[in-house]
């Protein structure tokens, strides 16, 4: 989910909040009603940029509604790329991301340190805190979280994305390795540390890589 980023940042955030409300009423409420014990159908979410804010706020909103909060429902894989939300909000014991972790089986955050759209120097950001889609998740990670550094991969493959508008922010959807990683994540056949499109990062985390 990518929302319009051409307007003022505050207006975009207000629109995103309304989208979060609709996601609850038109999406999560239906999911809660339809889920049954033993259901073998998984619901996955892939959110890009401001879409990450929409998902986080929607799950938090759902937990504030007694009817939804009383039901046992969950998403399977929640995947964020270029997430335009504060990294701190997804910290292990942070209230802002509590509902997100509570209602998913796994949260995978794909981040790119070269993402110019998430730079603090972007004036429309109004001095917002560092974004999860640019700096990754705070350590120690939540037990349900996987943090995948895509910076080295993007940097090594810049020529392939040169013709895209704002390539550092939207390249994800034009790259077969990233999309393969998403597919592996949704299938869940192997552990997050053993997915073929990932290698160990120098900081002990994970990094996107083309399979050998």
N, C-alpha and C. Protein backbone atom coordinates (compact mmCIF):
# COMPACT_ATOMS: atom_id res chain seq x y z
N UNK A 1 0.85 -1.19 0.00
CA UNK A 1 0.00 0.00 0.00
C UNK A 1 0.89 1.23 0.00
N UNK A 2 0.78 2.06 -0.99
CA UNK A 2 1.54 3.29 -1.06
C UNK A 2 0.57 4.44 -1.23
N UNK A 3 0.66 5.41 -0.35
CA UNK A 3 -0.23 6.56 -0.45
C UNK A 3 0.47 7.71 -1.17
N UNK A 4 -0.32 8.65 -1.63
CA UNK A 4 0.21 9.79 -2.37
C UNK A 4 1.21 10.57 -1.52
N UNK A 5 2.42 10.75 -2.03
CA UNK A 5 3.45 11.46 -1.29
C UNK A 5 3.73 12.84 -1.88
N UNK A 6 2.88 13.29 -2.81
CA UNK A 6 3.15 14.56 -3.47
C UNK A 6 2.66 15.75 -2.66
N UNK A 7 1.69 15.55 -1.78
CA UNK A 7 1.15 16.64 -0.99
C UNK A 7 1.92 16.85 0.29
N UNK A 8 1.50 17.84 1.08
CA UNK A 8 2.15 18.10 2.35
C UNK A 8 2.13 16.87 3.25
N UNK A 9 3.20 16.70 4.00
CA UNK A 9 3.34 15.49 4.81
C UNK A 9 2.22 15.33 5.84
N UNK A 10 1.83 16.41 6.48
CA UNK A 10 0.78 16.33 7.50
C UNK A 10 -0.54 15.89 6.88
N UNK A 11 -0.85 16.40 5.70
CA UNK A 11 -2.09 16.01 5.02
C UNK A 11 -2.05 14.53 4.64
N UNK A 12 -0.89 14.06 4.19
CA UNK A 12 -0.74 12.65 3.86
C UNK A 12 -0.98 11.79 5.10
N UNK A 13 -0.48 12.25 6.22
CA UNK A 13 -0.64 11.49 7.46
C UNK A 13 -2.11 11.44 7.87
N UNK A 14 -2.82 12.53 7.68
CA UNK A 14 -4.25 12.55 8.00
C UNK A 14 -5.00 11.58 7.10
N UNK A 15 -4.68 11.59 5.80
CA UNK A 15 -5.31 10.65 4.87
C UNK A 15 -5.00 9.21 5.26
N UNK A 16 -3.78 8.97 5.70
CA UNK A 16 -3.38 7.62 6.10
C UNK A 16 -4.18 7.16 7.31
N UNK A 17 -4.44 8.08 8.22
CA UNK A 17 -5.22 7.74 9.42
C UNK A 17 -6.64 7.33 9.02
N UNK A 18 -7.21 8.02 8.04
CA UNK A 18 -8.55 7.66 7.57
C UNK A 18 -8.51 6.29 6.88
N UNK A 19 -7.44 6.02 6.16
CA UNK A 19 -7.30 4.71 5.51
C UNK A 19 -7.18 3.60 6.54
N UNK A 20 -6.50 3.89 7.64
CA UNK A 20 -6.38 2.91 8.72
C UNK A 20 -7.75 2.57 9.29
N UNK A 21 -8.58 3.60 9.46
CA UNK A 21 -9.93 3.39 9.96
C UNK A 21 -10.72 2.49 9.02
N UNK A 22 -10.61 2.75 7.70
CA UNK A 22 -11.33 1.94 6.73
C UNK A 22 -10.78 0.51 6.68
N UNK A 23 -9.50 0.37 6.90
CA UNK A 23 -8.91 -0.98 6.91
C UNK A 23 -9.49 -1.81 8.04
N UNK A 24 -9.78 -1.16 9.15
CA UNK A 24 -10.40 -1.87 10.27
C UNK A 24 -11.84 -2.23 9.95
N UNK A 25 -12.62 -1.25 9.53
CA UNK A 25 -14.05 -1.48 9.32
C UNK A 25 -14.33 -2.37 8.11
N UNK A 26 -13.55 -2.22 7.04
CA UNK A 26 -13.82 -2.96 5.81
C UNK A 26 -12.94 -4.19 5.63
N UNK A 27 -11.89 -4.32 6.46
CA UNK A 27 -10.96 -5.43 6.29
C UNK A 27 -10.83 -6.31 7.52
N UNK A 28 -10.31 -5.74 8.59
CA UNK A 28 -10.03 -6.54 9.78
C UNK A 28 -11.31 -7.07 10.44
N UNK A 29 -12.36 -6.27 10.41
CA UNK A 29 -13.63 -6.74 10.98
C UNK A 29 -14.12 -7.96 10.24
N UNK A 30 -13.99 -7.96 8.92
CA UNK A 30 -14.39 -9.11 8.10
C UNK A 30 -13.51 -10.32 8.41
N UNK A 31 -12.20 -10.07 8.56
CA UNK A 31 -11.27 -11.15 8.89
C UNK A 31 -11.63 -11.79 10.23
N UNK A 32 -11.92 -10.96 11.21
CA UNK A 32 -12.28 -11.47 12.54
C UNK A 32 -13.54 -12.34 12.47
N UNK A 33 -14.49 -11.92 11.66
CA UNK A 33 -15.74 -12.66 11.53
C UNK A 33 -15.54 -13.99 10.82
N UNK A 34 -14.64 -14.00 9.84
CA UNK A 34 -14.47 -15.18 8.98
C UNK A 34 -13.53 -16.22 9.57
N UNK A 35 -12.57 -15.82 10.40
CA UNK A 35 -11.60 -16.79 10.91
C UNK A 35 -12.25 -17.79 11.85
N UNK A 36 -11.83 -19.06 11.68
CA UNK A 36 -12.33 -20.13 12.52
C UNK A 36 -11.15 -20.96 13.02
N UNK A 37 -11.29 -21.64 14.16
CA UNK A 37 -10.22 -22.52 14.63
C UNK A 37 -9.89 -23.57 13.58
N UNK A 38 -8.61 -23.77 13.34
CA UNK A 38 -8.19 -24.76 12.37
C UNK A 38 -8.18 -24.27 10.93
N UNK A 39 -8.47 -22.99 10.70
CA UNK A 39 -8.47 -22.44 9.34
C UNK A 39 -7.06 -22.54 8.75
N UNK A 40 -6.96 -23.03 7.51
CA UNK A 40 -5.66 -23.23 6.87
C UNK A 40 -5.32 -22.13 5.88
N UNK A 41 -6.13 -21.10 5.81
CA UNK A 41 -5.86 -19.98 4.91
C UNK A 41 -5.13 -18.88 5.68
N UNK A 42 -3.98 -18.47 5.17
CA UNK A 42 -3.19 -17.42 5.80
C UNK A 42 -3.45 -16.07 5.13
N UNK A 43 -3.47 -15.03 5.92
CA UNK A 43 -3.60 -13.67 5.41
C UNK A 43 -2.28 -12.94 5.65
N UNK A 44 -1.63 -12.54 4.56
CA UNK A 44 -0.35 -11.84 4.65
C UNK A 44 -0.54 -10.37 4.28
N UNK A 45 0.36 -9.52 4.76
CA UNK A 45 0.31 -8.09 4.45
C UNK A 45 1.69 -7.62 4.02
N UNK A 46 1.76 -6.97 2.86
CA UNK A 46 2.98 -6.32 2.41
C UNK A 46 2.67 -4.83 2.30
N UNK A 47 3.33 -4.02 3.11
CA UNK A 47 3.05 -2.59 3.16
C UNK A 47 4.30 -1.79 2.82
N UNK A 48 4.13 -0.80 1.95
CA UNK A 48 5.25 0.03 1.50
C UNK A 48 5.05 1.47 1.98
N UNK A 49 6.10 2.08 2.46
CA UNK A 49 6.12 3.51 2.79
C UNK A 49 5.05 3.87 3.82
N UNK A 50 4.15 4.79 3.48
CA UNK A 50 3.10 5.21 4.39
C UNK A 50 2.12 4.07 4.68
N UNK A 51 2.09 3.07 3.81
CA UNK A 51 1.25 1.90 4.06
C UNK A 51 1.60 1.22 5.37
N UNK A 52 2.86 1.28 5.78
CA UNK A 52 3.26 0.70 7.06
C UNK A 52 2.57 1.42 8.22
N UNK A 53 2.45 2.73 8.10
CA UNK A 53 1.75 3.52 9.12
C UNK A 53 0.28 3.13 9.16
N UNK A 54 -0.33 2.95 7.97
CA UNK A 54 -1.73 2.55 7.91
C UNK A 54 -1.95 1.22 8.63
N UNK A 55 -1.09 0.25 8.37
CA UNK A 55 -1.23 -1.07 8.99
C UNK A 55 -1.03 -1.00 10.49
N UNK A 56 0.01 -0.30 10.93
CA UNK A 56 0.26 -0.19 12.37
C UNK A 56 -0.90 0.47 13.09
N UNK A 57 -1.40 1.58 12.53
CA UNK A 57 -2.49 2.30 13.17
C UNK A 57 -3.79 1.50 13.13
N UNK A 58 -4.01 0.74 12.05
CA UNK A 58 -5.23 -0.06 11.95
C UNK A 58 -5.26 -1.15 13.01
N UNK A 59 -4.14 -1.82 13.22
CA UNK A 59 -4.11 -2.88 14.22
C UNK A 59 -4.26 -2.31 15.63
N UNK A 60 -3.69 -1.13 15.85
CA UNK A 60 -3.84 -0.49 17.15
C UNK A 60 -5.29 -0.06 17.37
N UNK A 61 -5.92 0.45 16.31
CA UNK A 61 -7.32 0.86 16.36
C UNK A 61 -8.21 -0.35 16.64
N UNK A 62 -7.91 -1.47 15.97
CA UNK A 62 -8.72 -2.68 16.16
C UNK A 62 -8.68 -3.15 17.60
N UNK A 63 -7.53 -3.02 18.24
CA UNK A 63 -7.42 -3.45 19.63
C UNK A 63 -8.16 -2.53 20.59
N UNK A 64 -8.51 -1.33 20.12
CA UNK A 64 -9.28 -0.40 20.96
C UNK A 64 -10.78 -0.60 20.80
N UNK A 65 -11.19 -1.48 19.90
CA UNK A 65 -12.61 -1.75 19.69
C UNK A 65 -12.96 -3.05 20.42
N UNK A 66 -13.78 -2.96 21.46
CA UNK A 66 -14.07 -4.13 22.31
C UNK A 66 -14.48 -5.38 21.54
N UNK A 67 -15.30 -5.24 20.51
CA UNK A 67 -15.79 -6.40 19.78
C UNK A 67 -14.65 -7.12 19.07
N UNK A 68 -13.72 -6.36 18.49
CA UNK A 68 -12.59 -6.96 17.79
C UNK A 68 -11.52 -7.44 18.77
N UNK A 69 -11.30 -6.67 19.82
CA UNK A 69 -10.28 -7.03 20.80
C UNK A 69 -10.62 -8.34 21.52
N UNK A 70 -11.91 -8.64 21.61
CA UNK A 70 -12.34 -9.85 22.32
C UNK A 70 -12.18 -11.12 21.47
N UNK A 71 -11.91 -10.97 20.18
CA UNK A 71 -11.81 -12.12 19.31
C UNK A 71 -10.36 -12.52 19.08
N UNK A 72 -10.15 -13.83 18.90
CA UNK A 72 -8.80 -14.35 18.69
C UNK A 72 -8.52 -14.40 17.19
N UNK A 73 -7.89 -13.38 16.66
CA UNK A 73 -7.59 -13.32 15.23
C UNK A 73 -6.14 -12.93 15.02
N UNK A 74 -5.62 -13.30 13.87
CA UNK A 74 -4.22 -12.99 13.60
C UNK A 74 -3.94 -12.94 12.11
N UNK A 75 -2.94 -12.16 11.75
CA UNK A 75 -2.38 -12.17 10.41
C UNK A 75 -1.19 -13.12 10.43
N UNK A 76 -0.78 -13.58 9.28
CA UNK A 76 0.38 -14.47 9.24
C UNK A 76 1.66 -13.63 9.11
N UNK A 77 2.13 -13.39 7.90
CA UNK A 77 3.34 -12.61 7.69
C UNK A 77 3.00 -11.15 7.41
N UNK A 78 3.57 -10.25 8.18
CA UNK A 78 3.46 -8.82 7.92
C UNK A 78 4.84 -8.35 7.47
N UNK A 79 4.91 -7.81 6.26
CA UNK A 79 6.19 -7.39 5.68
C UNK A 79 6.14 -5.90 5.35
N UNK A 80 7.14 -5.18 5.81
CA UNK A 80 7.23 -3.74 5.59
C UNK A 80 8.47 -3.43 4.77
N UNK A 81 8.32 -2.56 3.76
CA UNK A 81 9.50 -2.09 3.02
C UNK A 81 9.41 -0.58 2.89
N UNK A 82 10.56 0.09 3.05
CA UNK A 82 10.58 1.57 3.08
C UNK A 82 9.56 2.10 4.08
N UNK A 83 9.45 1.45 5.23
CA UNK A 83 8.41 1.80 6.20
C UNK A 83 8.57 3.22 6.71
N UNK A 84 7.56 4.04 6.47
CA UNK A 84 7.58 5.43 6.91
C UNK A 84 6.94 5.56 8.29
N UNK A 85 7.52 4.86 9.23
CA UNK A 85 7.15 4.95 10.64
C UNK A 85 8.44 4.99 11.45
N UNK A 86 8.37 5.54 12.64
CA UNK A 86 9.58 5.65 13.44
C UNK A 86 10.11 4.27 13.81
N UNK A 87 11.42 4.12 13.75
CA UNK A 87 12.03 2.86 14.13
C UNK A 87 11.71 2.52 15.58
N UNK A 88 11.69 3.52 16.43
CA UNK A 88 11.43 3.30 17.85
C UNK A 88 10.06 2.70 18.11
N UNK A 89 9.08 3.02 17.24
CA UNK A 89 7.72 2.50 17.45
C UNK A 89 7.65 0.98 17.32
N UNK A 90 8.67 0.37 16.71
CA UNK A 90 8.70 -1.08 16.55
C UNK A 90 9.71 -1.74 17.48
N UNK A 91 10.13 -1.00 18.50
CA UNK A 91 11.04 -1.57 19.50
C UNK A 91 10.32 -2.65 20.30
N UNK A 92 11.08 -3.47 20.94
CA UNK A 92 10.56 -4.66 21.62
C UNK A 92 9.47 -4.36 22.63
N UNK A 93 9.61 -3.31 23.42
CA UNK A 93 8.65 -3.02 24.48
C UNK A 93 7.92 -1.70 24.26
N UNK A 94 7.81 -1.27 23.00
CA UNK A 94 7.17 0.00 22.69
C UNK A 94 5.67 -0.20 22.49
N UNK A 95 4.88 0.63 23.15
CA UNK A 95 3.42 0.50 23.08
C UNK A 95 2.88 0.70 21.67
N UNK A 96 3.48 1.61 20.90
CA UNK A 96 2.97 1.95 19.57
C UNK A 96 2.89 0.75 18.63
N UNK A 97 3.81 -0.19 18.78
CA UNK A 97 3.82 -1.34 17.90
C UNK A 97 3.31 -2.62 18.54
N UNK A 98 2.79 -2.51 19.75
CA UNK A 98 2.36 -3.69 20.50
C UNK A 98 1.30 -4.51 19.76
N UNK A 99 0.28 -3.84 19.23
CA UNK A 99 -0.80 -4.55 18.53
C UNK A 99 -0.30 -5.21 17.26
N UNK A 100 0.66 -4.58 16.60
CA UNK A 100 1.23 -5.14 15.36
C UNK A 100 1.89 -6.48 15.63
N UNK A 101 2.69 -6.55 16.68
CA UNK A 101 3.33 -7.82 17.03
C UNK A 101 2.33 -8.83 17.57
N UNK A 102 1.34 -8.35 18.31
CA UNK A 102 0.36 -9.25 18.90
C UNK A 102 -0.44 -9.99 17.84
N UNK A 103 -0.73 -9.33 16.72
CA UNK A 103 -1.63 -9.91 15.73
C UNK A 103 -0.93 -10.39 14.47
N UNK A 104 0.35 -10.72 14.55
CA UNK A 104 1.03 -11.33 13.40
C UNK A 104 1.89 -12.50 13.87
N UNK A 105 2.16 -13.40 12.95
CA UNK A 105 3.05 -14.52 13.26
C UNK A 105 4.50 -14.08 13.13
N UNK A 106 4.77 -13.19 12.18
CA UNK A 106 6.11 -12.67 11.97
C UNK A 106 6.04 -11.29 11.36
N UNK A 107 6.92 -10.39 11.80
CA UNK A 107 7.05 -9.07 11.20
C UNK A 107 8.44 -9.00 10.56
N UNK A 108 8.47 -8.77 9.26
CA UNK A 108 9.74 -8.62 8.54
C UNK A 108 9.87 -7.18 8.07
N UNK A 109 10.93 -6.52 8.50
CA UNK A 109 11.18 -5.13 8.12
C UNK A 109 12.34 -5.10 7.13
N UNK A 110 12.06 -4.73 5.88
CA UNK A 110 13.09 -4.55 4.87
C UNK A 110 13.48 -3.08 4.84
N UNK A 111 14.75 -2.77 5.09
CA UNK A 111 15.15 -1.37 5.12
C UNK A 111 16.32 -1.09 4.18
N UNK A 112 16.41 0.16 3.75
CA UNK A 112 17.44 0.59 2.82
C UNK A 112 18.03 1.92 3.29
N UNK A 113 19.26 1.92 3.80
CA UNK A 113 19.88 3.15 4.30
C UNK A 113 20.04 4.24 3.23
N UNK A 114 19.92 3.85 1.96
CA UNK A 114 20.05 4.82 0.87
C UNK A 114 18.71 5.40 0.43
N UNK A 115 17.65 5.11 1.16
CA UNK A 115 16.31 5.57 0.79
C UNK A 115 16.20 7.08 1.00
N UNK A 116 16.27 7.83 -0.10
CA UNK A 116 16.27 9.29 0.00
C UNK A 116 14.94 9.86 0.44
N UNK A 117 13.84 9.16 0.14
CA UNK A 117 12.51 9.67 0.52
C UNK A 117 12.30 9.66 2.02
N UNK A 118 13.08 8.85 2.74
CA UNK A 118 12.94 8.75 4.19
C UNK A 118 14.02 9.52 4.94
N UNK A 119 14.73 10.35 4.21
CA UNK A 119 15.80 11.14 4.83
C UNK A 119 15.23 12.19 5.76
N UNK A 120 15.89 12.41 6.89
CA UNK A 120 15.48 13.45 7.83
C UNK A 120 15.66 14.85 7.23
N UNK A 121 16.46 14.93 6.15
CA UNK A 121 16.68 16.24 5.53
C UNK A 121 15.54 16.63 4.61
N UNK A 122 14.61 15.69 4.35
CA UNK A 122 13.45 15.99 3.52
C UNK A 122 12.53 16.94 4.30
N UNK A 123 12.35 18.16 3.82
CA UNK A 123 11.64 19.19 4.60
C UNK A 123 10.20 18.82 4.90
N UNK A 124 9.58 18.00 4.06
CA UNK A 124 8.17 17.68 4.32
C UNK A 124 8.01 16.74 5.50
N UNK A 125 9.13 16.19 5.99
CA UNK A 125 9.05 15.24 7.09
C UNK A 125 8.89 15.95 8.44
N UNK A 126 9.11 17.26 8.46
CA UNK A 126 8.90 18.05 9.68
C UNK A 126 9.72 17.54 10.85
N UNK A 127 10.95 17.09 10.58
CA UNK A 127 11.83 16.67 11.65
C UNK A 127 11.43 15.39 12.33
N UNK A 128 10.75 14.49 11.63
CA UNK A 128 10.30 13.24 12.22
C UNK A 128 11.48 12.37 12.63
N UNK A 129 11.20 11.42 13.53
CA UNK A 129 12.24 10.52 14.03
C UNK A 129 12.74 9.61 12.91
N UNK A 130 13.92 9.01 13.07
CA UNK A 130 14.46 8.08 12.06
C UNK A 130 13.44 6.99 11.71
N UNK A 131 13.32 6.71 10.41
CA UNK A 131 12.33 5.77 9.91
C UNK A 131 12.84 4.33 9.91
N UNK A 132 11.94 3.41 10.24
CA UNK A 132 12.28 1.99 10.24
C UNK A 132 12.73 1.52 8.87
N UNK A 133 12.19 2.14 7.80
CA UNK A 133 12.55 1.75 6.45
C UNK A 133 13.91 2.25 5.99
N UNK A 134 14.56 3.06 6.83
CA UNK A 134 15.88 3.60 6.49
C UNK A 134 16.97 3.12 7.44
N UNK A 135 16.64 2.97 8.73
CA UNK A 135 17.67 2.62 9.72
C UNK A 135 17.47 1.23 10.32
N UNK A 136 16.35 0.58 10.04
CA UNK A 136 16.11 -0.75 10.62
C UNK A 136 15.46 -0.67 11.99
N UNK A 137 15.33 -1.83 12.63
CA UNK A 137 14.65 -1.93 13.91
C UNK A 137 15.64 -1.82 15.08
N UNK A 138 15.19 -1.27 16.20
CA UNK A 138 16.05 -1.18 17.38
C UNK A 138 16.38 -2.57 17.93
N UNK A 139 17.56 -2.69 18.49
CA UNK A 139 17.96 -3.92 19.16
C UNK A 139 17.75 -3.80 20.65
N UNK A 140 17.45 -4.91 21.35
CA UNK A 140 17.23 -6.25 20.81
C UNK A 140 15.90 -6.33 20.07
N UNK A 141 15.86 -7.16 19.04
CA UNK A 141 14.64 -7.31 18.25
C UNK A 141 13.55 -8.00 19.05
N UNK A 142 12.31 -7.66 18.71
CA UNK A 142 11.18 -8.42 19.24
C UNK A 142 11.31 -9.86 18.74
N UNK A 143 10.92 -10.86 19.54
CA UNK A 143 11.05 -12.26 19.11
C UNK A 143 10.36 -12.58 17.79
N UNK A 144 9.35 -11.81 17.43
CA UNK A 144 8.63 -12.07 16.18
C UNK A 144 9.23 -11.32 14.99
N UNK A 145 10.26 -10.51 15.22
CA UNK A 145 10.76 -9.62 14.17
C UNK A 145 11.95 -10.21 13.42
N UNK A 146 12.01 -9.88 12.14
CA UNK A 146 13.19 -10.11 11.31
C UNK A 146 13.53 -8.78 10.64
N UNK A 147 14.78 -8.38 10.69
CA UNK A 147 15.21 -7.09 10.15
C UNK A 147 16.19 -7.35 9.02
N UNK A 148 15.82 -6.98 7.78
CA UNK A 148 16.63 -7.32 6.61
C UNK A 148 17.21 -6.05 5.98
N UNK A 149 18.52 -5.91 6.06
CA UNK A 149 19.23 -4.77 5.49
C UNK A 149 19.36 -4.97 3.98
N UNK A 150 18.72 -4.11 3.21
CA UNK A 150 18.75 -4.22 1.74
C UNK A 150 19.65 -3.16 1.12
N UNK A 151 20.35 -2.39 1.95
CA UNK A 151 21.21 -1.32 1.46
C UNK A 151 22.34 -1.79 0.56
N UNK A 152 23.18 -2.75 1.01
CA UNK A 152 24.28 -3.21 0.16
C UNK A 152 23.79 -3.79 -1.17
N UNK A 153 22.68 -4.50 -1.14
CA UNK A 153 22.13 -5.07 -2.37
C UNK A 153 21.67 -3.97 -3.32
N UNK A 154 20.92 -2.99 -2.80
CA UNK A 154 20.46 -1.88 -3.63
C UNK A 154 21.65 -1.12 -4.21
N UNK A 155 22.63 -0.83 -3.38
CA UNK A 155 23.79 -0.04 -3.81
C UNK A 155 24.56 -0.74 -4.93
N UNK A 156 24.67 -2.06 -4.83
CA UNK A 156 25.40 -2.83 -5.83
C UNK A 156 24.63 -2.95 -7.15
N UNK A 157 23.32 -2.72 -7.09
CA UNK A 157 22.48 -2.89 -8.29
C UNK A 157 21.82 -1.59 -8.74
N UNK A 158 22.37 -0.46 -8.35
CA UNK A 158 21.80 0.84 -8.71
C UNK A 158 21.51 1.00 -10.21
N UNK A 159 22.43 0.57 -11.10
CA UNK A 159 22.16 0.76 -12.54
C UNK A 159 20.86 0.13 -13.01
N UNK A 160 20.45 -0.96 -12.38
CA UNK A 160 19.22 -1.64 -12.79
C UNK A 160 17.98 -0.82 -12.48
N UNK A 161 18.10 0.12 -11.54
CA UNK A 161 16.94 0.92 -11.12
C UNK A 161 17.04 2.38 -11.56
N UNK A 162 18.06 2.70 -12.34
CA UNK A 162 18.36 4.10 -12.66
C UNK A 162 17.23 4.82 -13.38
N UNK A 163 16.42 4.11 -14.15
CA UNK A 163 15.36 4.74 -14.93
C UNK A 163 14.07 4.93 -14.12
N UNK A 164 14.03 4.42 -12.91
CA UNK A 164 12.82 4.53 -12.09
C UNK A 164 12.72 5.92 -11.45
N UNK A 165 11.54 6.46 -11.25
CA UNK A 165 11.40 7.69 -10.47
C UNK A 165 11.62 7.37 -9.00
N UNK A 166 12.47 8.14 -8.35
CA UNK A 166 12.78 7.90 -6.94
C UNK A 166 13.17 6.44 -6.70
N UNK A 167 14.20 5.96 -7.38
CA UNK A 167 14.54 4.53 -7.36
C UNK A 167 14.83 3.97 -5.97
N UNK A 168 15.47 4.74 -5.09
CA UNK A 168 15.82 4.20 -3.78
C UNK A 168 14.62 3.89 -2.91
N UNK A 169 13.45 4.43 -3.31
CA UNK A 169 12.24 4.25 -2.51
C UNK A 169 11.28 3.22 -3.11
N UNK A 170 11.32 3.02 -4.42
CA UNK A 170 10.33 2.14 -5.04
C UNK A 170 10.94 0.93 -5.76
N UNK A 171 12.26 0.77 -5.70
CA UNK A 171 12.93 -0.30 -6.44
C UNK A 171 12.43 -1.69 -6.07
N UNK A 172 11.91 -1.84 -4.88
CA UNK A 172 11.49 -3.15 -4.38
C UNK A 172 10.62 -3.92 -5.37
N UNK A 173 9.70 -3.24 -5.97
CA UNK A 173 8.68 -3.90 -6.81
C UNK A 173 9.15 -4.16 -8.23
N UNK A 174 10.42 -3.84 -8.49
CA UNK A 174 11.01 -4.08 -9.81
C UNK A 174 12.20 -5.05 -9.71
N UNK A 175 12.35 -5.69 -8.58
CA UNK A 175 13.52 -6.55 -8.36
C UNK A 175 13.10 -7.97 -8.03
N UNK A 176 13.60 -8.93 -8.79
CA UNK A 176 13.20 -10.32 -8.63
C UNK A 176 13.73 -10.95 -7.35
N UNK A 177 14.87 -10.49 -6.86
CA UNK A 177 15.43 -11.08 -5.63
C UNK A 177 14.58 -10.68 -4.43
N UNK A 178 14.21 -9.40 -4.34
CA UNK A 178 13.34 -8.98 -3.25
C UNK A 178 12.01 -9.71 -3.30
N UNK A 179 11.41 -9.79 -4.48
CA UNK A 179 10.12 -10.46 -4.61
C UNK A 179 10.22 -11.94 -4.28
N UNK A 180 11.35 -12.56 -4.60
CA UNK A 180 11.55 -13.95 -4.22
C UNK A 180 11.65 -14.09 -2.70
N UNK A 181 12.29 -13.12 -2.06
CA UNK A 181 12.39 -13.14 -0.61
C UNK A 181 11.01 -13.03 0.03
N UNK A 182 10.18 -12.15 -0.52
CA UNK A 182 8.80 -12.01 -0.03
C UNK A 182 8.05 -13.34 -0.17
N UNK A 183 8.22 -14.00 -1.31
CA UNK A 183 7.54 -15.28 -1.54
C UNK A 183 8.00 -16.33 -0.53
N UNK A 184 9.31 -16.41 -0.29
CA UNK A 184 9.83 -17.35 0.71
C UNK A 184 9.27 -17.04 2.09
N UNK A 185 9.19 -15.76 2.40
CA UNK A 185 8.67 -15.34 3.70
C UNK A 185 7.22 -15.77 3.87
N UNK A 186 6.41 -15.57 2.85
CA UNK A 186 5.00 -15.95 2.94
C UNK A 186 4.83 -17.47 3.04
N UNK A 187 5.66 -18.22 2.32
CA UNK A 187 5.55 -19.67 2.37
C UNK A 187 5.93 -20.22 3.74
N UNK A 188 6.92 -19.60 4.37
CA UNK A 188 7.31 -20.00 5.72
C UNK A 188 7.87 -21.40 5.83
N UNK A 189 8.42 -21.92 4.74
CA UNK A 189 8.91 -23.30 4.74
C UNK A 189 10.24 -23.45 5.48
N UNK A 190 11.03 -22.36 5.54
CA UNK A 190 12.32 -22.40 6.22
C UNK A 190 12.41 -21.26 7.22
N UNK A 191 13.32 -21.38 8.15
CA UNK A 191 13.51 -20.35 9.17
C UNK A 191 13.94 -19.03 8.53
N UNK A 192 13.60 -17.94 9.17
CA UNK A 192 13.92 -16.60 8.64
C UNK A 192 15.41 -16.41 8.39
N UNK A 193 16.26 -17.14 9.14
CA UNK A 193 17.71 -17.02 8.97
C UNK A 193 18.25 -17.90 7.86
N UNK A 194 17.41 -18.75 7.28
CA UNK A 194 17.86 -19.70 6.26
C UNK A 194 17.26 -19.45 4.89
N UNK A 195 16.54 -18.36 4.72
CA UNK A 195 15.97 -18.05 3.42
C UNK A 195 17.10 -17.81 2.42
N UNK A 196 16.97 -18.39 1.23
CA UNK A 196 18.06 -18.42 0.25
C UNK A 196 18.49 -17.04 -0.24
N UNK A 197 17.60 -16.08 -0.17
CA UNK A 197 17.91 -14.73 -0.65
C UNK A 197 18.49 -13.84 0.45
N UNK A 198 18.92 -14.44 1.55
CA UNK A 198 19.49 -13.66 2.66
C UNK A 198 20.84 -14.21 3.07
N UNK A 199 21.67 -13.32 3.59
CA UNK A 199 22.94 -13.70 4.19
C UNK A 199 23.03 -13.02 5.55
N UNK A 200 23.98 -13.44 6.36
CA UNK A 200 24.20 -12.81 7.65
C UNK A 200 24.83 -11.43 7.44
N UNK A 201 24.32 -10.43 8.11
CA UNK A 201 24.86 -9.07 8.02
C UNK A 201 25.99 -8.91 9.03
N UNK A 202 26.89 -7.96 8.81
CA UNK A 202 28.02 -7.75 9.74
C UNK A 202 27.59 -7.47 11.17
N UNK A 203 26.40 -6.86 11.35
CA UNK A 203 25.95 -6.53 12.70
C UNK A 203 25.23 -7.69 13.38
N UNK A 204 25.24 -8.86 12.73
CA UNK A 204 24.57 -10.02 13.30
C UNK A 204 23.15 -10.18 12.82
N UNK A 205 22.66 -9.23 12.04
CA UNK A 205 21.30 -9.31 11.50
C UNK A 205 21.28 -10.03 10.17
N UNK A 206 20.36 -9.64 9.29
CA UNK A 206 20.19 -10.26 7.99
C UNK A 206 20.34 -9.21 6.89
N UNK A 207 20.74 -9.68 5.71
CA UNK A 207 20.88 -8.78 4.56
C UNK A 207 20.38 -9.49 3.32
N UNK A 208 19.78 -8.71 2.42
CA UNK A 208 19.30 -9.26 1.15
C UNK A 208 20.48 -9.55 0.25
N UNK A 209 20.43 -10.69 -0.45
CA UNK A 209 21.53 -11.06 -1.33
C UNK A 209 21.03 -11.95 -2.46
N UNK A 210 21.62 -11.83 -3.63
CA UNK A 210 21.27 -12.71 -4.74
C UNK A 210 21.81 -14.11 -4.43
N UNK A 211 20.99 -15.16 -4.54
CA UNK A 211 21.46 -16.51 -4.24
C UNK A 211 22.64 -16.91 -5.13
N UNK A 212 23.58 -17.64 -4.56
CA UNK A 212 24.74 -18.10 -5.30
C UNK A 212 24.35 -19.32 -6.13
